[in-house]
Amino acid sequence: MVDLITTLALVFISAGALLLIANHFSLSSVPFYILAGIVVGGLGFIDQPELLELAQWGIAFLVFVFGVSLDFSSLGTVIRDGEIMTGVQILVIGPSSFGVGLLLGFAPLDALYFSVAATLSSTIVGTGLRKADIRDNLVHGRLAKSVHFLQDILAVVLILVVGTEAFVADNVAMNLGYGVMLLAAAGIVHRYLFDQLSRLSAGSQELMLMTSISILIAFLAFAEFIGLSIVVGAFAAGLAIKREVSNLGMLNGIESIKDFFATIFFVTIGALVSTPTLDVLVVSLTLIALTAIIKPLVMIVTLLWEGYDARTASLTSFSLDQVSEFALFIAIGALIEGAISSTLFDAIILAAALTMITSAYTRKHDHQLYDRLLRHLVGRTQTRKIDERSRITSLPTDHIVIAGFGRQGRRIAHACKEAGRECVVIENDPAMLSSLSEQCDNYVFGDAMHSYTWEKAGLDEARLVVSTINQRPVSERILQFETNADMILRADDAGDARALLDQGALYVAVPDVLAADQLVERVSAVIDDPDSIRNVEPEHREELQTLSELGFSSLADEDPG
C-alpha cells in the first residue's frame, strides 16, 4: 500500500490524464474524474481506509465552498417554495424509500440509510460544479439552490444524530446543542465580525483568502474538539463567510480550492466503486430509479401544484436527480462504525457514482430534455405564479417588450420612458421583483422560454422586442414566436449573431464590443424614427463582418442581462 502523498499523486495524475480527453471533446469533467477513480481503485494501490478518509475530507471542503456560495438575499425570494419542495421530498420520498428498503430485505437501520440516500440530493453536482451562469439568476436556479440548502440543514441534523457515540437521548440532545451553537457562532461571525476582519485585511484579497481559510480551520478544529463531524464544522464555516463583490479575489481563491477538492472527491468515489454482485446491482438500480426518476417527478408535480410553469418545474427537478454527498458521508461513517451492511454501502457508492455522471449531462442538456420528453406532457399547465407576480395595468399596443431587467434592460426601459413609449419588461429573477415593482408600470414575471409569458406581455400587439439575455436557446425561442414585431437580440460572439440575423433578427448586440451605450442608442433611434429601421439590419451585418475580420469571434460578458 502507499502513503498519503503517493495516494494524492495517483489521484491527480489519473484525473489529469482523463481530464485532457474531457476538455478536448468539451465534455463534463465529472464522469472522467469518476472513471479515473475506478481505474485507480481497480489497480489496488490504495486501500479502503485511505479512500474513506480522503472522501470525507473532500466532502467537507466542498460543503464549505457551497456554504460560501450561498446568497441569502436571493434565496429569500423563493425560500417558502423551497421549504414546501423540501417538505414534500422528505414526506413522500423518505417513507416510501424506507418501505422499499424493507422490501429489499434490509434491517430497519439499513433501510433508514437507504432512505437517506434516496431522499437527499447533491449540492456539489446540483448547483456547485459549473461556474456561475445565468441559470443561477433564474427562478429554477434559485429554487434548486434553496432546496439544496434546506436539505443540507437536514443532513447536518442527521449527522449530529447518527454521530453520537452511544445512541441515547442525552447524547443526541448534546450533539444537537453543540450543532446549534456552531451554527449560531457562524451567524455571529457572518453578521458582526466578518466586516471587521475585512477592514483589518486592508483590502488585500490575499489576506482575505487567508482569513477565510483561517475561519474554516478554526471551525473544523472546534468541531473536532467538541466531538462533532468535520463536515458540520465545514458547513458552519462556509455560512460564516460573507459573499461580496468586494471580496472577488477571495472568492476566486476559494473557487480554486473547490476545484482541488472536487477532484479528490470524485476520484475517491470512483475508487470506492467495486465490481457489483447481483444483490448490489439490484439495490443500486432501485436506488437510482428512486433518485433519478421518481424524485424529479415528485418535484415537478409539487411545483406545478404551487403554480409554477412546466419548464421551471422541470428544470428545477433536473438539479435534484443525484445521491447527496451528505448521504455518502453518513454511509461512510456508518461503514467505519460497522453500522451498515457492505451490500448496501457498495450499492450507495455505485448509485452515487452513476447518478452524478448522469446528472452532469441532465444539467448540461436540461432544456433539450424538457423539450423532447416533458413539454408535450406538462407544457400546458397552470401559470398562476406568472399571474400573481406580474403587473399589467392596461395591456398596451404598439409597445416595446424588453426581456431581462439587468443593467442594459433597465437603461432601455428608462429610454422608453423618456421617449414616452410604453414598454413591458419580462424578468424571472426573484431578486429583481422589488426593482420591477418600483421602476416599471408593466412587467411580466415569467420564463422567457414560456409562450404564456409572451402572451401576457402582449407580443401580438408589440412593435419591437429587445432581449438582453445572451443565451442562444432563449434568442432562438423568441424568434420562433409568430409576431410582426422586430427583434433586437444579444449574443456572445459574432458567429451566433450572424446566425440569429439569418433566422430573422433585426439586430444582435455582441457584448464587450457593441457596448451597452451603443445598444441603448440603437433602440432609442428606432423609437424616435421608425423609418430608420430599414437601415439597421444591413449596417449591422457589415459591423459583424468587420468584427470577425478583426478577430472578435468569441467574447465574454460580465452582465448577464
Protein backbone atom coordinates (compact mmCIF):
# COMPACT_ATOMS: atom_id res chain seq x y z
CA MET A 1 0.00 0.00 0.00
CA VAL A 2 1.05 3.62 -0.42
CA ASP A 3 1.25 6.71 1.77
CA LEU A 4 -0.98 9.78 1.55
CA ILE A 5 1.35 11.76 -0.76
CA THR A 6 1.54 8.88 -3.23
CA THR A 7 -2.22 8.46 -2.99
CA LEU A 8 -2.79 12.11 -3.90
CA ALA A 9 -0.26 11.79 -6.73
CA LEU A 10 -2.18 8.83 -8.16
CA VAL A 11 -5.46 10.72 -7.80
CA PHE A 12 -4.29 13.82 -9.68
CA ILE A 13 -2.21 12.05 -12.32
CA SER A 14 -5.12 9.80 -13.28
CA ALA A 15 -7.61 12.69 -13.12
CA GLY A 16 -5.35 14.97 -15.18
CA ALA A 17 -4.86 12.38 -17.91
CA LEU A 18 -8.58 11.78 -18.37
CA LEU A 19 -9.43 15.46 -17.99
CA LEU A 20 -7.39 16.14 -21.13
CA ILE A 21 -9.81 13.90 -23.02
CA ALA A 22 -12.85 15.62 -21.47
CA ASN A 23 -11.53 19.08 -22.37
CA HIS A 24 -10.63 18.03 -25.91
CA PHE A 25 -14.19 16.92 -26.62
CA SER A 26 -15.83 19.65 -24.46
CA LEU A 27 -17.39 17.06 -22.16
CA SER A 28 -18.27 17.27 -18.46
CA SER A 29 -15.33 16.52 -16.18
CA VAL A 30 -17.36 14.57 -13.60
CA PRO A 31 -17.62 11.24 -15.50
CA PHE A 32 -13.92 11.33 -16.27
CA TYR A 33 -12.98 12.03 -12.63
CA ILE A 34 -15.09 9.06 -11.56
CA LEU A 35 -13.62 6.89 -14.33
CA ALA A 36 -10.13 7.88 -13.15
CA GLY A 37 -11.10 6.71 -9.66
CA ILE A 38 -12.38 3.39 -11.00
CA VAL A 39 -9.02 2.90 -12.73
CA VAL A 40 -7.04 3.79 -9.60
CA GLY A 41 -9.25 1.63 -7.40
CA GLY A 42 -9.05 -1.28 -9.83
CA LEU A 43 -5.25 -1.24 -9.70
CA GLY A 44 -5.45 -1.89 -5.95
CA PHE A 45 -2.77 0.61 -4.97
CA ILE A 46 -4.93 2.38 -2.37
CA ASP A 47 -6.64 0.58 0.49
CA GLN A 48 -10.20 1.40 1.56
CA PRO A 49 -9.44 3.25 4.85
CA GLU A 50 -7.34 5.83 2.98
CA LEU A 51 -10.07 6.24 0.36
CA LEU A 52 -12.73 6.71 3.03
CA GLU A 53 -10.65 9.38 4.78
CA LEU A 54 -9.96 11.22 1.52
CA ALA A 55 -13.63 11.11 0.58
CA GLN A 56 -14.64 12.57 3.96
CA TRP A 57 -12.20 15.47 3.65
CA GLY A 58 -13.23 16.07 0.03
CA ILE A 59 -16.90 16.25 1.05
CA ALA A 60 -16.13 18.56 3.98
CA PHE A 61 -14.26 21.12 1.90
CA LEU A 62 -16.83 21.08 -0.89
CA VAL A 63 -19.61 21.62 1.63
CA PHE A 64 -17.61 24.61 2.90
CA VAL A 65 -17.47 26.05 -0.63
CA PHE A 66 -21.21 25.58 -1.09
CA GLY A 67 -21.83 27.45 2.18
CA VAL A 68 -19.69 30.34 0.96
CA SER A 69 -21.58 30.47 -2.35
CA LEU A 70 -24.98 30.95 -0.71
CA ASP A 71 -26.64 34.32 -1.28
CA PHE A 72 -29.34 34.58 1.38
CA SER A 73 -30.86 37.73 -0.12
CA SER A 74 -31.61 35.90 -3.37
CA LEU A 75 -32.73 32.68 -1.67
CA GLY A 76 -35.17 34.62 0.47
CA THR A 77 -37.34 35.31 -2.57
CA VAL A 78 -38.07 31.59 -3.09
CA ILE A 79 -37.38 30.09 0.34
CA ARG A 80 -41.06 29.44 1.08
CA ASP A 81 -41.46 27.37 -2.07
CA GLY A 82 -38.14 25.68 -1.29
CA GLU A 83 -39.49 24.72 2.11
CA ILE A 84 -42.59 23.19 0.51
CA MET A 85 -40.48 21.26 -2.01
CA THR A 86 -38.14 20.00 0.70
CA GLY A 87 -41.07 19.02 2.92
CA VAL A 88 -42.76 17.08 0.13
CA GLN A 89 -39.50 15.40 -0.81
CA ILE A 90 -38.95 14.26 2.77
CA LEU A 91 -42.55 13.23 3.43
CA VAL A 92 -43.04 11.39 0.13
CA ILE A 93 -39.64 10.04 -0.89
CA GLY A 94 -38.43 9.36 2.67
CA PRO A 95 -41.13 6.95 3.91
CA SER A 96 -41.66 5.32 0.51
CA SER A 97 -37.96 4.60 0.04
CA PHE A 98 -37.75 3.32 3.63
CA GLY A 99 -40.54 0.89 2.74
CA VAL A 100 -38.69 -0.14 -0.41
CA GLY A 101 -35.59 -0.77 1.70
CA LEU A 102 -37.58 -3.10 3.94
CA LEU A 103 -38.99 -4.88 0.87
CA LEU A 104 -35.44 -5.41 -0.35
CA GLY A 105 -34.78 -7.35 2.87
CA PHE A 106 -32.80 -4.77 4.82
CA ALA A 107 -32.98 -4.36 8.56
CA PRO A 108 -34.67 -1.12 9.74
CA LEU A 109 -31.35 0.70 10.28
CA ASP A 110 -30.10 -0.22 6.80
CA ALA A 111 -33.50 0.74 5.35
CA LEU A 112 -33.06 4.14 7.02
CA TYR A 113 -29.65 4.62 5.36
CA PHE A 114 -31.22 3.57 2.04
CA SER A 115 -33.97 6.15 2.56
CA VAL A 116 -31.46 8.92 3.31
CA ALA A 117 -29.56 8.12 0.10
CA ALA A 118 -32.78 8.20 -1.94
CA THR A 119 -34.14 11.41 -0.39
CA LEU A 120 -31.22 13.84 -0.26
CA SER A 121 -29.73 15.44 -3.38
CA SER A 122 -26.18 16.58 -4.06
CA THR A 123 -25.33 20.26 -3.69
CA ILE A 124 -21.95 19.63 -5.35
CA VAL A 125 -23.42 18.27 -8.58
CA GLY A 126 -26.78 20.01 -8.45
CA THR A 127 -25.50 23.57 -8.01
CA GLY A 128 -21.78 23.70 -7.45
CA LEU A 129 -19.88 22.11 -10.31
CA ARG A 130 -20.46 24.53 -13.14
CA LYS A 131 -19.25 28.10 -12.97
CA ALA A 132 -21.97 30.61 -12.18
CA ASP A 133 -24.02 31.26 -15.28
CA ILE A 134 -27.35 32.86 -15.98
CA ARG A 135 -29.29 29.85 -14.67
CA ASP A 136 -28.26 30.79 -11.12
CA ASN A 137 -30.12 34.08 -11.54
CA LEU A 138 -33.23 32.43 -12.93
CA VAL A 139 -36.06 31.17 -10.80
CA HIS A 140 -35.31 27.47 -11.30
CA GLY A 141 -31.71 28.02 -10.23
CA ARG A 142 -32.85 29.83 -7.09
CA LEU A 143 -35.42 27.14 -6.31
CA ALA A 144 -32.88 24.34 -6.69
CA LYS A 145 -30.35 26.14 -4.51
CA SER A 146 -32.92 26.81 -1.79
CA VAL A 147 -33.89 23.11 -1.73
CA HIS A 148 -30.24 22.06 -1.53
CA PHE A 149 -29.64 24.49 1.32
CA LEU A 150 -32.62 23.23 3.32
CA GLN A 151 -31.63 19.63 2.65
CA ASP A 152 -28.12 20.39 3.86
CA ILE A 153 -29.51 21.72 7.12
CA LEU A 154 -31.50 18.48 7.49
CA ALA A 155 -28.41 16.44 6.60
CA VAL A 156 -26.36 18.26 9.25
CA VAL A 157 -29.04 17.37 11.82
CA LEU A 158 -28.89 13.71 10.71
CA ILE A 159 -25.10 13.71 11.01
CA LEU A 160 -25.36 15.16 14.51
CA VAL A 161 -27.87 12.46 15.45
CA VAL A 162 -26.08 9.44 13.97
CA GLY A 163 -22.68 10.77 15.04
CA THR A 164 -23.31 10.13 18.74
CA GLU A 165 -21.05 7.55 20.34
CA ALA A 166 -23.99 5.97 22.15
CA PHE A 167 -27.42 6.43 20.59
CA VAL A 168 -29.27 7.66 23.66
CA ALA A 169 -31.45 10.73 24.16
CA ASP A 170 -28.92 12.66 26.29
CA ASN A 171 -26.08 12.20 23.79
CA VAL A 172 -28.28 13.10 20.83
CA ALA A 173 -29.52 16.23 22.61
CA MET A 174 -25.95 17.24 23.49
CA ASN A 175 -24.79 16.82 19.88
CA LEU A 176 -27.73 18.82 18.59
CA GLY A 177 -26.98 21.53 21.13
CA TYR A 178 -23.36 21.68 20.01
CA GLY A 179 -24.50 21.86 16.39
CA VAL A 180 -26.84 24.77 17.12
CA MET A 181 -24.02 26.50 18.97
CA LEU A 182 -21.69 26.06 15.99
CA LEU A 183 -24.25 27.44 13.53
CA ALA A 184 -25.01 30.34 15.89
CA ALA A 185 -21.28 31.13 16.02
CA ALA A 186 -21.26 31.11 12.20
CA GLY A 187 -24.16 33.58 12.17
CA ILE A 188 -22.35 35.90 14.58
CA VAL A 189 -19.14 35.84 12.54
CA HIS A 190 -21.08 36.42 9.31
CA ARG A 191 -23.10 39.35 10.64
CA TYR A 192 -20.79 41.13 13.06
CA LEU A 193 -17.15 40.02 12.73
CA PHE A 194 -16.50 39.38 9.05
CA ASP A 195 -16.65 43.09 8.11
CA GLN A 196 -14.18 43.86 10.91
CA LEU A 197 -11.84 41.16 9.63
CA SER A 198 -12.18 42.61 6.12
CA ARG A 199 -11.14 46.05 7.34
CA LEU A 200 -8.16 44.58 9.21
CA SER A 201 -7.08 42.94 5.95
CA ALA A 202 -6.79 46.47 4.49
CA GLY A 203 -8.40 45.46 1.21
CA SER A 204 -5.81 42.77 0.44
CA GLN A 205 -7.51 39.88 -1.38
CA GLU A 206 -4.68 37.54 -0.34
CA LEU A 207 -5.21 38.41 3.32
CA MET A 208 -8.96 37.95 2.89
CA LEU A 209 -8.40 34.49 1.44
CA MET A 210 -6.11 33.59 4.32
CA THR A 211 -8.70 34.97 6.76
CA SER A 212 -11.36 32.76 5.20
CA ILE A 213 -9.15 29.68 5.38
CA SER A 214 -8.35 30.53 9.00
CA ILE A 215 -12.09 30.70 9.76
CA LEU A 216 -12.52 27.28 8.13
CA ILE A 217 -9.68 25.76 10.13
CA ALA A 218 -10.99 27.32 13.35
CA PHE A 219 -14.46 25.84 12.83
CA LEU A 220 -13.01 22.45 11.89
CA ALA A 221 -10.81 22.45 14.98
CA PHE A 222 -13.70 23.48 17.22
CA ALA A 223 -15.95 20.79 15.73
CA GLU A 224 -13.28 18.16 16.37
CA PHE A 225 -12.70 19.49 19.90
CA ILE A 226 -16.35 19.11 20.89
CA GLY A 227 -16.64 15.76 19.15
CA LEU A 228 -18.65 16.76 16.07
CA SER A 229 -18.11 15.71 12.46
CA ILE A 230 -15.75 17.83 10.37
CA VAL A 231 -18.49 18.28 7.75
CA VAL A 232 -20.63 20.12 10.33
CA GLY A 233 -17.71 22.45 11.06
CA ALA A 234 -17.07 22.98 7.34
CA PHE A 235 -20.72 23.81 6.66
CA ALA A 236 -20.79 26.32 9.53
CA ALA A 237 -17.53 27.90 8.32
CA GLY A 238 -18.99 28.39 4.86
CA LEU A 239 -22.04 30.15 6.30
CA ALA A 240 -19.75 32.40 8.37
CA ILE A 241 -18.07 33.94 5.33
CA LYS A 242 -19.73 36.82 3.50
CA ARG A 243 -20.07 36.57 -0.26
CA GLU A 244 -19.44 40.09 -1.55
CA VAL A 245 -18.27 41.55 -4.86
CA SER A 246 -15.57 43.45 -2.99
CA ASN A 247 -14.10 40.09 -1.98
CA LEU A 248 -13.84 38.80 -5.55
CA GLY A 249 -10.20 37.74 -5.17
CA MET A 250 -11.07 35.79 -2.05
CA LEU A 251 -13.98 34.09 -3.81
CA ASN A 252 -11.77 33.17 -6.75
CA GLY A 253 -9.26 31.65 -4.36
CA ILE A 254 -11.99 29.60 -2.70
CA GLU A 255 -13.14 28.52 -6.17
CA SER A 256 -9.65 27.12 -6.77
CA ILE A 257 -9.89 25.21 -3.51
CA LYS A 258 -13.19 23.77 -4.74
CA ASP A 259 -11.55 22.52 -7.93
CA PHE A 260 -8.81 20.82 -5.91
CA PHE A 261 -11.16 19.00 -3.55
CA ALA A 262 -13.73 18.26 -6.26
CA THR A 263 -11.04 16.24 -7.98
CA ILE A 264 -10.28 14.36 -4.76
CA PHE A 265 -13.95 13.75 -4.05
CA PHE A 266 -14.98 12.38 -7.43
CA VAL A 267 -11.85 10.29 -7.93
CA THR A 268 -12.21 8.69 -4.49
CA ILE A 269 -15.91 7.98 -5.14
CA GLY A 270 -14.89 6.21 -8.34
CA ALA A 271 -12.15 4.33 -6.50
CA LEU A 272 -14.67 3.10 -3.90
CA VAL A 273 -16.80 1.51 -6.65
CA SER A 274 -16.32 -2.26 -6.60
CA THR A 275 -17.42 -4.96 -9.01
CA PRO A 276 -21.09 -5.35 -8.06
CA THR A 277 -22.71 -8.62 -7.08
CA LEU A 278 -26.26 -9.31 -8.25
CA ASP A 279 -27.64 -8.13 -4.87
CA VAL A 280 -25.64 -4.90 -5.04
CA LEU A 281 -26.76 -4.29 -8.61
CA VAL A 282 -30.45 -4.76 -7.76
CA VAL A 283 -30.26 -2.42 -4.76
CA SER A 284 -28.26 0.16 -6.72
CA LEU A 285 -30.66 0.18 -9.69
CA THR A 286 -33.62 0.54 -7.30
CA LEU A 287 -31.90 3.48 -5.60
CA ILE A 288 -31.13 5.07 -8.99
CA ALA A 289 -34.79 4.75 -10.05
CA LEU A 290 -35.95 6.46 -6.86
CA THR A 291 -33.31 9.18 -7.10
CA ALA A 292 -33.18 9.97 -10.81
CA ILE A 293 -36.78 9.28 -11.87
CA ILE A 294 -39.28 9.20 -9.00
CA LYS A 295 -37.84 12.13 -7.02
CA PRO A 296 -37.72 14.56 -10.01
CA LEU A 297 -41.28 13.60 -10.98
CA VAL A 298 -42.49 14.29 -7.43
CA MET A 299 -40.76 17.68 -7.54
CA ILE A 300 -42.35 18.54 -10.91
CA VAL A 301 -45.82 17.74 -9.59
CA THR A 302 -45.14 19.79 -6.44
CA LEU A 303 -44.04 22.88 -8.36
CA LEU A 304 -46.93 22.61 -10.80
CA TRP A 305 -49.26 22.45 -7.81
CA GLU A 306 -47.52 25.54 -6.43
CA GLY A 307 -48.37 27.36 -9.66
CA TYR A 308 -45.02 27.38 -11.45
CA ASP A 309 -44.89 26.83 -15.19
CA ALA A 310 -43.92 23.43 -16.55
CA ARG A 311 -40.47 24.48 -17.79
CA THR A 312 -39.42 25.98 -14.45
CA ALA A 313 -40.72 22.90 -12.62
CA SER A 314 -38.85 20.54 -14.94
CA LEU A 315 -35.55 22.44 -14.94
CA THR A 316 -35.60 22.68 -11.15
CA SER A 317 -36.18 18.93 -10.82
CA PHE A 318 -33.18 18.16 -13.05
CA SER A 319 -30.94 19.65 -10.34
CA LEU A 320 -32.19 17.12 -7.76
CA ASP A 321 -31.60 13.81 -9.56
CA GLN A 322 -28.49 12.52 -7.78
CA VAL A 323 -27.36 10.94 -4.50
CA SER A 324 -26.15 13.51 -1.97
CA GLU A 325 -22.59 13.83 -0.75
CA PHE A 326 -24.09 14.10 2.74
CA ALA A 327 -25.68 10.68 2.26
CA LEU A 328 -22.25 9.39 1.26
CA PHE A 329 -20.70 10.97 4.34
CA ILE A 330 -23.31 9.32 6.55
CA ALA A 331 -22.79 5.96 4.82
CA ILE A 332 -19.01 6.20 5.14
CA GLY A 333 -19.30 6.99 8.85
CA ALA A 334 -21.70 4.08 9.29
CA LEU A 335 -19.29 1.72 7.50
CA ILE A 336 -16.41 2.80 9.72
CA GLU A 337 -18.59 2.14 12.78
CA GLY A 338 -19.82 -1.19 11.36
CA ALA A 339 -23.43 0.04 11.37
CA ILE A 340 -24.24 -0.55 7.68
CA SER A 341 -24.12 -3.72 5.60
CA SER A 342 -21.42 -3.96 2.94
CA THR A 343 -24.08 -4.73 0.30
CA LEU A 344 -25.95 -1.50 0.98
CA PHE A 345 -22.74 0.56 1.20
CA ASP A 346 -21.48 -0.75 -2.15
CA ALA A 347 -24.92 -0.09 -3.69
CA ILE A 348 -24.99 3.50 -2.40
CA ILE A 349 -21.48 4.17 -3.76
CA LEU A 350 -22.38 2.70 -7.16
CA ALA A 351 -25.67 4.64 -7.32
CA ALA A 352 -23.91 7.86 -6.29
CA ALA A 353 -21.25 7.45 -8.98
CA LEU A 354 -23.81 6.68 -11.71
CA THR A 355 -26.30 9.43 -10.77
CA MET A 356 -23.53 12.02 -10.54
CA ILE A 357 -22.44 11.03 -14.04
CA THR A 358 -25.96 11.16 -15.47
CA SER A 359 -26.76 14.38 -13.59
CA ALA A 360 -23.79 16.10 -15.19
CA TYR A 361 -25.46 15.53 -18.55
CA THR A 362 -29.02 16.31 -17.50
CA ARG A 363 -27.74 19.65 -16.16
CA LYS A 364 -26.00 20.37 -19.48
CA HIS A 365 -28.93 19.35 -21.67
CA ASP A 366 -31.85 20.24 -19.40
CA HIS A 367 -33.60 22.44 -21.96
CA GLN A 368 -33.40 19.73 -24.63
CA LEU A 369 -34.62 17.07 -22.20
CA TYR A 370 -37.61 19.19 -21.32
CA ASP A 371 -38.46 19.89 -24.95
CA ARG A 372 -38.16 16.24 -26.01
CA LEU A 373 -39.51 14.36 -23.00
CA LEU A 374 -41.76 16.58 -20.89
CA ARG A 375 -43.04 19.58 -22.84
CA HIS A 376 -45.83 17.67 -24.54
CA LEU A 377 -46.88 16.03 -21.25
CA VAL A 378 -46.88 19.01 -18.88
CA GLY A 379 -46.32 22.03 -21.13
CA ARG A 380 -49.94 23.27 -20.98
CA THR A 381 -50.21 23.53 -17.22
CA GLN A 382 -51.35 26.31 -14.95
CA THR A 383 -49.37 29.55 -14.79
CA ARG A 384 -50.64 31.00 -11.53
CA LYS A 385 -47.18 32.16 -10.40
CA ILE A 386 -46.78 34.26 -13.54
CA ASP A 387 -50.17 35.90 -12.98
CA GLU A 388 -49.57 36.51 -9.27
CA ARG A 389 -46.14 38.11 -9.67
CA SER A 390 -46.81 40.15 -12.82
CA ARG A 391 -48.36 43.60 -13.18
CA ILE A 392 -50.09 44.77 -16.32
CA THR A 393 -52.07 47.92 -15.53
CA SER A 394 -53.53 48.03 -19.03
CA LEU A 395 -52.22 45.96 -21.89
CA PRO A 396 -50.58 48.45 -24.28
CA THR A 397 -50.42 48.23 -28.06
CA ASP A 398 -47.60 49.14 -30.43
CA HIS A 399 -45.28 48.86 -27.41
CA ILE A 400 -41.73 47.60 -26.68
CA VAL A 401 -41.20 44.24 -24.95
CA ILE A 402 -37.91 44.12 -23.02
CA ALA A 403 -36.62 40.69 -21.94
CA GLY A 404 -34.24 40.96 -18.98
CA PHE A 405 -34.00 43.73 -16.39
CA GLY A 406 -30.28 43.81 -15.80
CA ARG A 407 -28.13 46.87 -16.44
CA GLN A 408 -28.98 47.09 -20.13
CA GLY A 409 -32.64 46.22 -19.63
CA ARG A 410 -33.04 48.97 -17.04
CA ARG A 411 -31.41 51.55 -19.32
CA ILE A 412 -33.57 50.56 -22.29
CA ALA A 413 -36.71 50.76 -20.12
CA HIS A 414 -35.59 54.22 -18.98
CA ALA A 415 -35.03 55.25 -22.61
CA CYS A 416 -38.57 54.13 -23.46
CA LYS A 417 -39.96 56.12 -20.56
CA GLU A 418 -38.02 59.23 -21.59
CA ALA A 419 -39.36 58.89 -25.14
CA GLY A 420 -42.92 58.38 -23.92
CA ARG A 421 -43.03 54.88 -25.39
CA GLU A 422 -44.88 52.20 -23.42
CA CYS A 423 -42.97 49.02 -22.63
CA VAL A 424 -43.47 45.70 -20.87
CA VAL A 425 -40.48 44.10 -19.10
CA ILE A 426 -40.05 40.31 -18.87
CA GLU A 427 -37.92 39.02 -16.00
CA ASN A 428 -37.80 35.90 -13.82
CA ASP A 429 -35.04 36.68 -11.34
CA PRO A 430 -36.80 36.82 -7.94
CA ALA A 431 -34.22 39.32 -6.71
CA MET A 432 -35.50 41.78 -9.32
CA LEU A 433 -39.12 41.81 -8.16
CA SER A 434 -38.80 44.85 -5.93
CA SER A 435 -36.95 46.81 -8.66
CA LEU A 436 -39.57 45.84 -11.22
CA SER A 437 -42.35 46.97 -8.91
CA GLU A 438 -40.68 50.32 -8.24
CA GLN A 439 -39.47 51.18 -11.75
CA CYS A 440 -41.91 49.55 -14.20
CA ASP A 441 -45.58 50.19 -14.83
CA ASN A 442 -45.96 46.92 -16.73
CA TYR A 443 -43.92 43.78 -16.21
CA VAL A 444 -44.31 40.02 -16.51
CA PHE A 445 -42.51 37.76 -14.06
CA GLY A 446 -42.00 34.59 -16.08
CA ASP A 447 -39.64 32.38 -18.05
CA ALA A 448 -38.70 33.88 -21.43
CA MET A 449 -38.85 30.35 -22.88
CA HIS A 450 -42.52 30.01 -21.92
CA SER A 451 -45.11 31.09 -24.53
CA TYR A 452 -47.58 32.26 -21.86
CA THR A 453 -45.04 34.82 -20.63
CA TRP A 454 -45.01 36.48 -24.05
CA GLU A 455 -48.76 36.16 -24.43
CA LYS A 456 -49.20 38.05 -21.17
CA ALA A 457 -46.68 40.68 -22.32
CA GLY A 458 -48.84 41.35 -25.39
CA LEU A 459 -46.37 40.14 -28.00
CA ASP A 460 -49.08 40.06 -30.69
CA GLU A 461 -49.56 43.82 -30.33
CA ALA A 462 -45.89 44.76 -29.80
CA ARG A 463 -43.85 46.74 -32.31
CA LEU A 464 -40.38 45.84 -31.04
CA VAL A 465 -38.80 43.12 -28.87
CA VAL A 466 -35.46 43.82 -27.17
CA SER A 467 -33.82 40.85 -25.43
CA THR A 468 -30.78 41.50 -23.23
CA ILE A 469 -30.44 37.76 -22.43
CA ASN A 470 -27.28 36.39 -24.03
CA GLN A 471 -28.43 32.76 -24.25
CA ARG A 472 -28.82 31.43 -27.75
CA PRO A 473 -31.69 29.00 -26.85
CA VAL A 474 -33.66 31.94 -25.45
CA SER A 475 -32.95 34.06 -28.54
CA GLU A 476 -33.94 31.27 -30.90
CA ARG A 477 -37.12 30.66 -28.90
CA ILE A 478 -38.06 34.35 -29.21
CA LEU A 479 -37.52 34.19 -32.97
CA GLN A 480 -39.93 31.24 -33.19
CA PHE A 481 -42.93 33.27 -31.98
CA GLU A 482 -45.36 34.39 -34.65
CA THR A 483 -45.37 38.17 -34.46
CA ASN A 484 -44.89 41.22 -36.63
CA ALA A 485 -42.61 42.80 -34.03
CA ASP A 486 -38.96 43.36 -34.95
CA MET A 487 -36.38 41.57 -32.80
CA ILE A 488 -33.25 43.06 -31.24
CA LEU A 489 -31.31 40.27 -29.52
CA ARG A 490 -27.99 39.58 -27.80
CA ALA A 491 -25.24 37.00 -28.41
CA ASP A 492 -21.82 36.05 -27.05
CA ASP A 493 -19.97 36.08 -30.37
CA ALA A 494 -20.22 37.33 -33.93
CA GLY A 495 -20.92 33.85 -35.31
CA ASP A 496 -24.03 33.43 -33.16
CA ALA A 497 -25.07 36.97 -34.03
CA ARG A 498 -24.93 36.25 -37.77
CA ALA A 499 -26.89 33.02 -37.27
CA LEU A 500 -29.60 34.90 -35.37
CA LEU A 501 -29.74 37.52 -38.11
CA ASP A 502 -30.25 34.74 -40.64
CA GLN A 503 -33.16 33.46 -38.54
CA GLY A 504 -34.91 36.82 -38.67
CA ALA A 505 -33.41 39.12 -36.02
CA LEU A 506 -33.21 42.81 -36.85
CA TYR A 507 -30.10 43.44 -34.75
CA VAL A 508 -27.90 41.37 -32.42
CA ALA A 509 -25.71 43.05 -29.80
CA VAL A 510 -22.32 41.46 -29.19
CA PRO A 511 -21.26 42.30 -25.59
CA ASP A 512 -17.92 43.96 -24.82
CA VAL A 513 -17.64 45.13 -28.43
CA LEU A 514 -21.02 46.67 -29.09
CA ALA A 515 -21.32 48.24 -25.67
CA ALA A 516 -24.43 48.93 -23.63
CA ASP A 517 -24.41 52.60 -24.65
CA GLN A 518 -24.45 51.66 -28.31
CA LEU A 519 -27.35 49.24 -27.83
CA VAL A 520 -29.39 51.87 -26.00
CA GLU A 521 -28.54 54.34 -28.77
CA ARG A 522 -29.79 51.91 -31.41
CA VAL A 523 -33.06 51.25 -29.60
CA SER A 524 -33.62 54.96 -28.98
CA ALA A 525 -33.03 55.69 -32.67
CA VAL A 526 -35.64 53.13 -33.71
CA ILE A 527 -38.11 54.52 -31.17
CA ASP A 528 -37.62 58.10 -32.36
CA ASP A 529 -37.50 57.39 -36.11
CA PRO A 530 -39.46 54.29 -37.22
CA ASP A 531 -38.28 54.75 -40.82
CA SER A 532 -34.66 54.16 -39.76
CA ILE A 533 -35.46 50.53 -39.04
CA ARG A 534 -34.84 49.62 -42.70
CA ASN A 535 -31.13 50.52 -42.41
CA VAL A 536 -30.39 48.70 -39.15
CA GLU A 537 -30.01 45.12 -40.38
CA PRO A 538 -27.66 45.71 -43.40
CA GLU A 539 -25.47 48.11 -41.41
CA HIS A 540 -25.27 45.61 -38.57
CA ARG A 541 -24.16 42.79 -40.90
CA GLU A 542 -21.27 44.98 -42.04
CA GLU A 543 -20.30 45.63 -38.39
CA LEU A 544 -20.30 41.90 -37.61
CA GLN A 545 -18.17 41.12 -40.67
CA THR A 546 -15.66 43.74 -39.54
CA LEU A 547 -15.60 42.24 -36.03
CA SER A 548 -14.88 38.78 -37.42
CA GLU A 549 -12.05 40.09 -39.57
CA LEU A 550 -10.54 41.77 -36.52
CA GLY A 551 -10.65 38.50 -34.56
CA PHE A 552 -13.55 39.23 -32.21
CA SER A 553 -15.26 35.85 -32.63
CA SER A 554 -15.76 34.81 -29.00
CA LEU A 555 -16.35 37.38 -26.33
CA ALA A 556 -17.24 37.19 -22.65
CA ASP A 557 -19.82 39.35 -20.96
CA GLU A 558 -19.92 40.37 -17.35
CA ASP A 559 -23.55 41.42 -17.44
CA PRO A 560 -25.98 38.52 -17.91
CA GLY A 561 -28.88 40.77 -18.73
